[in-house]
Every structure is written in structure tokens, then in C-alpha cells.
């Protein structure tokens, strides 16, 4: 299966698909954080959407979309509209199977409610981080390892230069569930 993982800097989802024998590539405007170059396009995703992909999994930047930034919405209308447009470009890509991941935010009202909201603790990580999934041609993810503990580590993360990147990392248990459950033809 040909899989494009858009806006993924850390390669966890890409690598989960690669480990299961798929032809998977990640794409981001930043270099791959792990130094991978063979399976990572260091560019914007738009030109890649013209090619055939069996599955598109996208993690569009949430800075101007998520409710945690709601108090600044009034002052960033232009940036927010650009983010909405980019999200919708991914949602309307010519691909039969699409998953778009983002925190709870304005896309629920600007477009439609997500098909599913998942938590890391449903996939082996004792933390909370409500994550929305908008799905096209894909089933909802089935929890694989419900664990005790509900630490809000991401929410309580201290400010710093790597905070946004650390908050945006996909949990390995979720990446594995995506590859196991959506990687079937």
C-alpha cells in the first residue's frame, strides 16, 4: 500500500507503516527530526497530492485551529483562514482513504464534527490528550491497550523552544494502531 503521512516531522506513523511492509513516505516543511531522509519529503505537501496514494494520513498544523488558542482567534483571522484552507485541501484530496488528525478546535464547526475522538490512554499511554480524527473510507480506530492513569502531561508541559514539537508528537501506540488497523488493503 502507498501511504503518504503529511505534516509529520517525527516519522512515527510513517515508520509504523514501513515496519509492516508498506511503501510509506512522510512529508513536512521541516527536516525529519530523526534524521531520516530516504522516506521523508522535506517540502510542502501540495505537489505530492497529485500522485496516487492508497492512504493519506495528515497532521495539519493546529496552531490557528485548536481551542487552546481561542483567546487569540480575533487577532489572527487571516492565519486561521489559511489553516482552515490547508486543512480542507487535505480533506478534499483525491484519495479514497484519508485520516486527518487535529486537537479539538474550530474544524468541528467550520466543516464538520470529527468521526472519532481518541485518547493516548486507549493505546497504551497513561496520559490524556483528546485527539480528533476526521475519516474518509476508514474505520474508527479500535482501542488496543486501555491503561490506568490519566496524566495531562501535554497540557501541563512547560514553555520552551521545543514545546510545540513535543506536543505534536504522535504517541507510538496510536501510530501502531493506525498501521495495524488501516494498513489492510
Protein backbone atom coordinates (compact mmCIF):
# COMPACT_ATOMS: atom_id res chain seq x y z
CA UNK A 1 0.00 0.00 0.00
CA UNK A 2 1.27 3.50 -0.85
CA UNK A 3 0.92 5.72 2.22
CA UNK A 4 1.60 9.45 2.49
CA UNK A 5 1.85 10.86 6.00
CA UNK A 6 1.54 14.62 5.63
CA UNK A 7 2.93 17.15 8.10
CA UNK A 8 4.78 14.52 10.08
CA UNK A 9 8.17 15.56 11.38
CA UNK A 10 8.90 12.69 13.75
CA UNK A 11 8.11 9.78 11.45
CA UNK A 12 6.31 7.59 13.97
CA UNK A 13 3.30 6.89 11.76
CA UNK A 14 5.44 6.54 8.64
CA UNK A 15 7.78 4.12 10.41
CA UNK A 16 4.88 2.04 11.75
CA UNK A 17 3.65 1.53 8.17
CA UNK A 18 7.18 0.85 6.89
CA UNK A 19 7.69 -1.80 9.59
CA UNK A 20 4.58 -3.57 8.29
CA UNK A 21 5.89 -3.65 4.72
CA UNK A 22 4.09 -0.66 3.21
CA UNK A 23 5.52 1.92 0.83
CA UNK A 24 5.24 4.85 3.23
CA UNK A 25 6.59 8.37 2.99
CA UNK A 26 6.34 11.32 5.36
CA UNK A 27 6.30 14.93 4.27
CA UNK A 28 6.91 18.14 6.19
CA UNK A 29 8.38 21.58 5.59
CA UNK A 30 10.87 20.75 8.34
CA UNK A 31 13.56 18.11 8.20
CA UNK A 32 12.75 14.75 9.72
CA UNK A 33 13.55 15.06 13.43
CA UNK A 34 15.24 11.66 13.44
CA UNK A 35 17.49 12.48 10.50
CA UNK A 36 15.66 10.14 8.10
CA UNK A 37 15.98 11.30 4.51
CA UNK A 38 15.18 8.20 2.43
CA UNK A 39 11.50 8.13 3.44
CA UNK A 40 10.86 11.81 4.13
CA UNK A 41 10.00 14.57 1.67
CA UNK A 42 11.33 17.86 3.02
CA UNK A 43 8.81 20.09 1.25
CA UNK A 44 5.22 21.27 1.18
CA UNK A 45 2.67 18.51 0.66
CA UNK A 46 0.59 20.14 -2.08
CA UNK A 47 2.70 18.89 -5.06
CA UNK A 48 2.59 15.34 -3.69
CA UNK A 49 -1.20 15.27 -3.65
CA UNK A 50 -1.25 14.96 -7.43
CA UNK A 51 0.20 11.43 -7.22
CA UNK A 52 -1.72 8.26 -6.42
CA UNK A 53 -1.78 7.32 -2.74
CA UNK A 54 -3.79 4.46 -1.26
CA UNK A 55 -3.91 6.19 2.10
CA UNK A 56 -3.33 9.77 3.24
CA UNK A 57 -2.84 10.44 6.93
CA UNK A 58 -2.45 14.14 7.70
CA UNK A 59 -1.42 16.10 10.78
CA UNK A 60 -2.01 19.71 9.68
CA UNK A 61 -0.55 22.37 11.98
CA UNK A 62 -3.05 23.16 14.72
CA UNK A 63 -1.69 26.49 15.98
CA UNK A 64 -4.51 28.52 14.45
CA UNK A 65 -7.20 25.82 14.68
CA UNK A 66 -7.24 24.35 18.19
CA UNK A 67 -9.32 25.65 21.08
CA UNK A 68 -6.25 26.11 23.28
CA UNK A 69 -5.54 29.23 21.20
CA UNK A 70 -9.11 30.52 21.17
CA UNK A 71 -8.29 33.69 23.11
CA UNK A 72 -6.15 34.85 20.15
CA UNK A 73 -8.61 33.92 17.37
CA UNK A 74 -9.84 37.51 16.94
CA UNK A 75 -6.29 38.72 16.25
CA UNK A 76 -5.29 36.03 13.79
CA UNK A 77 -8.20 35.71 11.39
CA UNK A 78 -6.00 35.66 8.28
CA UNK A 79 -3.68 32.95 9.63
CA UNK A 80 -6.69 30.99 10.81
CA UNK A 81 -8.35 31.11 7.39
CA UNK A 82 -5.12 29.90 5.75
CA UNK A 83 -5.05 27.00 8.21
CA UNK A 84 -8.69 26.16 7.50
CA UNK A 85 -7.99 26.23 3.75
CA UNK A 86 -4.99 23.92 4.16
CA UNK A 87 -7.00 21.50 6.31
CA UNK A 88 -9.73 21.41 3.66
CA UNK A 89 -7.19 20.88 0.87
CA UNK A 90 -6.13 17.71 2.66
CA UNK A 91 -9.72 16.68 3.38
CA UNK A 92 -10.65 17.02 -0.29
CA UNK A 93 -7.55 15.32 -1.69
CA UNK A 94 -8.13 12.77 -4.44
CA UNK A 95 -7.61 9.73 -2.24
CA UNK A 96 -10.16 7.11 -1.24
CA UNK A 97 -8.81 6.70 2.29
CA UNK A 98 -7.99 9.77 4.36
CA UNK A 99 -7.44 10.41 8.07
CA UNK A 100 -6.87 13.93 9.38
CA UNK A 101 -5.71 14.36 12.97
CA UNK A 102 -6.05 17.56 15.00
CA UNK A 103 -6.88 18.60 18.56
CA UNK A 104 -10.36 19.76 19.42
CA UNK A 105 -10.83 23.02 17.56
CA UNK A 106 -12.72 25.08 15.06
CA UNK A 107 -12.92 22.48 12.28
CA UNK A 108 -15.82 20.90 14.16
CA UNK A 109 -17.88 24.00 13.38
CA UNK A 110 -16.15 25.26 10.22
CA UNK A 111 -16.51 21.90 8.47
CA UNK A 112 -18.00 19.03 10.45
CA UNK A 113 -17.67 17.14 13.70
CA UNK A 114 -14.82 14.62 13.80
CA UNK A 115 -15.67 10.97 13.24
CA UNK A 116 -13.81 9.97 16.38
CA UNK A 117 -12.03 11.44 19.39
CA UNK A 118 -9.28 9.24 20.81
CA UNK A 119 -7.06 9.43 23.89
CA UNK A 120 -3.48 8.13 24.39
CA UNK A 121 -4.65 6.01 27.37
CA UNK A 122 -6.70 3.91 24.92
CA UNK A 123 -3.47 2.89 23.16
CA UNK A 124 -1.05 2.11 25.99
CA UNK A 125 -0.05 5.58 27.24
CA UNK A 126 -1.33 6.75 30.64
CA UNK A 127 -2.00 10.28 29.52
CA UNK A 128 -4.84 12.47 28.34
CA UNK A 129 -4.78 14.37 25.05
CA UNK A 130 -8.11 14.46 23.24
CA UNK A 131 -7.33 13.95 19.57
CA UNK A 132 -9.90 14.29 16.79
CA UNK A 133 -9.91 12.12 13.69
CA UNK A 134 -11.79 13.04 10.53
CA UNK A 135 -12.05 9.89 8.43
CA UNK A 136 -12.88 9.12 4.83
CA UNK A 137 -13.09 5.48 3.74
CA UNK A 138 -11.56 4.28 7.02
CA UNK A 139 -12.99 2.64 10.12
CA UNK A 140 -12.71 4.22 13.54
CA UNK A 141 -9.64 3.13 15.47
CA UNK A 142 -10.34 0.40 17.98
CA UNK A 143 -8.52 0.90 21.31
CA UNK A 144 -5.66 -1.58 21.61
CA UNK A 145 -4.43 -1.22 25.19
CA UNK A 146 -6.54 0.71 27.69
CA UNK A 147 -4.33 1.63 30.63
CA UNK A 148 -4.83 3.25 34.01
CA UNK A 149 -3.58 6.74 34.63
CA UNK A 150 -4.85 9.94 33.18
CA UNK A 151 -1.94 12.37 33.44
CA UNK A 152 -2.36 15.62 31.48
CA UNK A 153 1.37 15.77 30.68
CA UNK A 154 0.95 17.52 27.32
CA UNK A 155 -1.41 20.14 28.76
CA UNK A 156 0.98 20.86 31.66
CA UNK A 157 4.14 20.96 29.56
CA UNK A 158 6.40 23.86 30.48
CA UNK A 159 7.04 26.62 27.95
CA UNK A 160 10.19 26.25 25.90
CA UNK A 161 11.61 26.15 22.39
CA UNK A 162 10.62 22.51 21.80
CA UNK A 163 7.18 22.67 23.42
CA UNK A 164 5.14 22.78 20.19
CA UNK A 165 7.12 19.93 18.64
CA UNK A 166 6.83 17.77 21.76
CA UNK A 167 3.09 18.43 21.99
CA UNK A 168 2.68 17.42 18.36
CA UNK A 169 4.36 14.02 18.54
CA UNK A 170 2.10 11.09 17.77
CA UNK A 171 2.06 8.50 20.53
CA UNK A 172 3.63 5.24 19.40
CA UNK A 173 0.60 3.20 20.43
CA UNK A 174 -1.63 5.34 18.21
CA UNK A 175 0.82 5.10 15.29
CA UNK A 176 0.90 1.31 15.66
CA UNK A 177 -2.91 1.11 15.79
CA UNK A 178 -3.16 3.19 12.61
CA UNK A 179 -0.73 0.91 10.78
CA UNK A 180 -2.30 -2.31 12.08
CA UNK A 181 -5.91 -1.30 11.51
CA UNK A 182 -5.72 0.95 8.46
CA UNK A 183 -2.86 -0.86 6.72
CA UNK A 184 -5.10 -3.61 5.41
CA UNK A 185 -5.99 -3.45 1.71
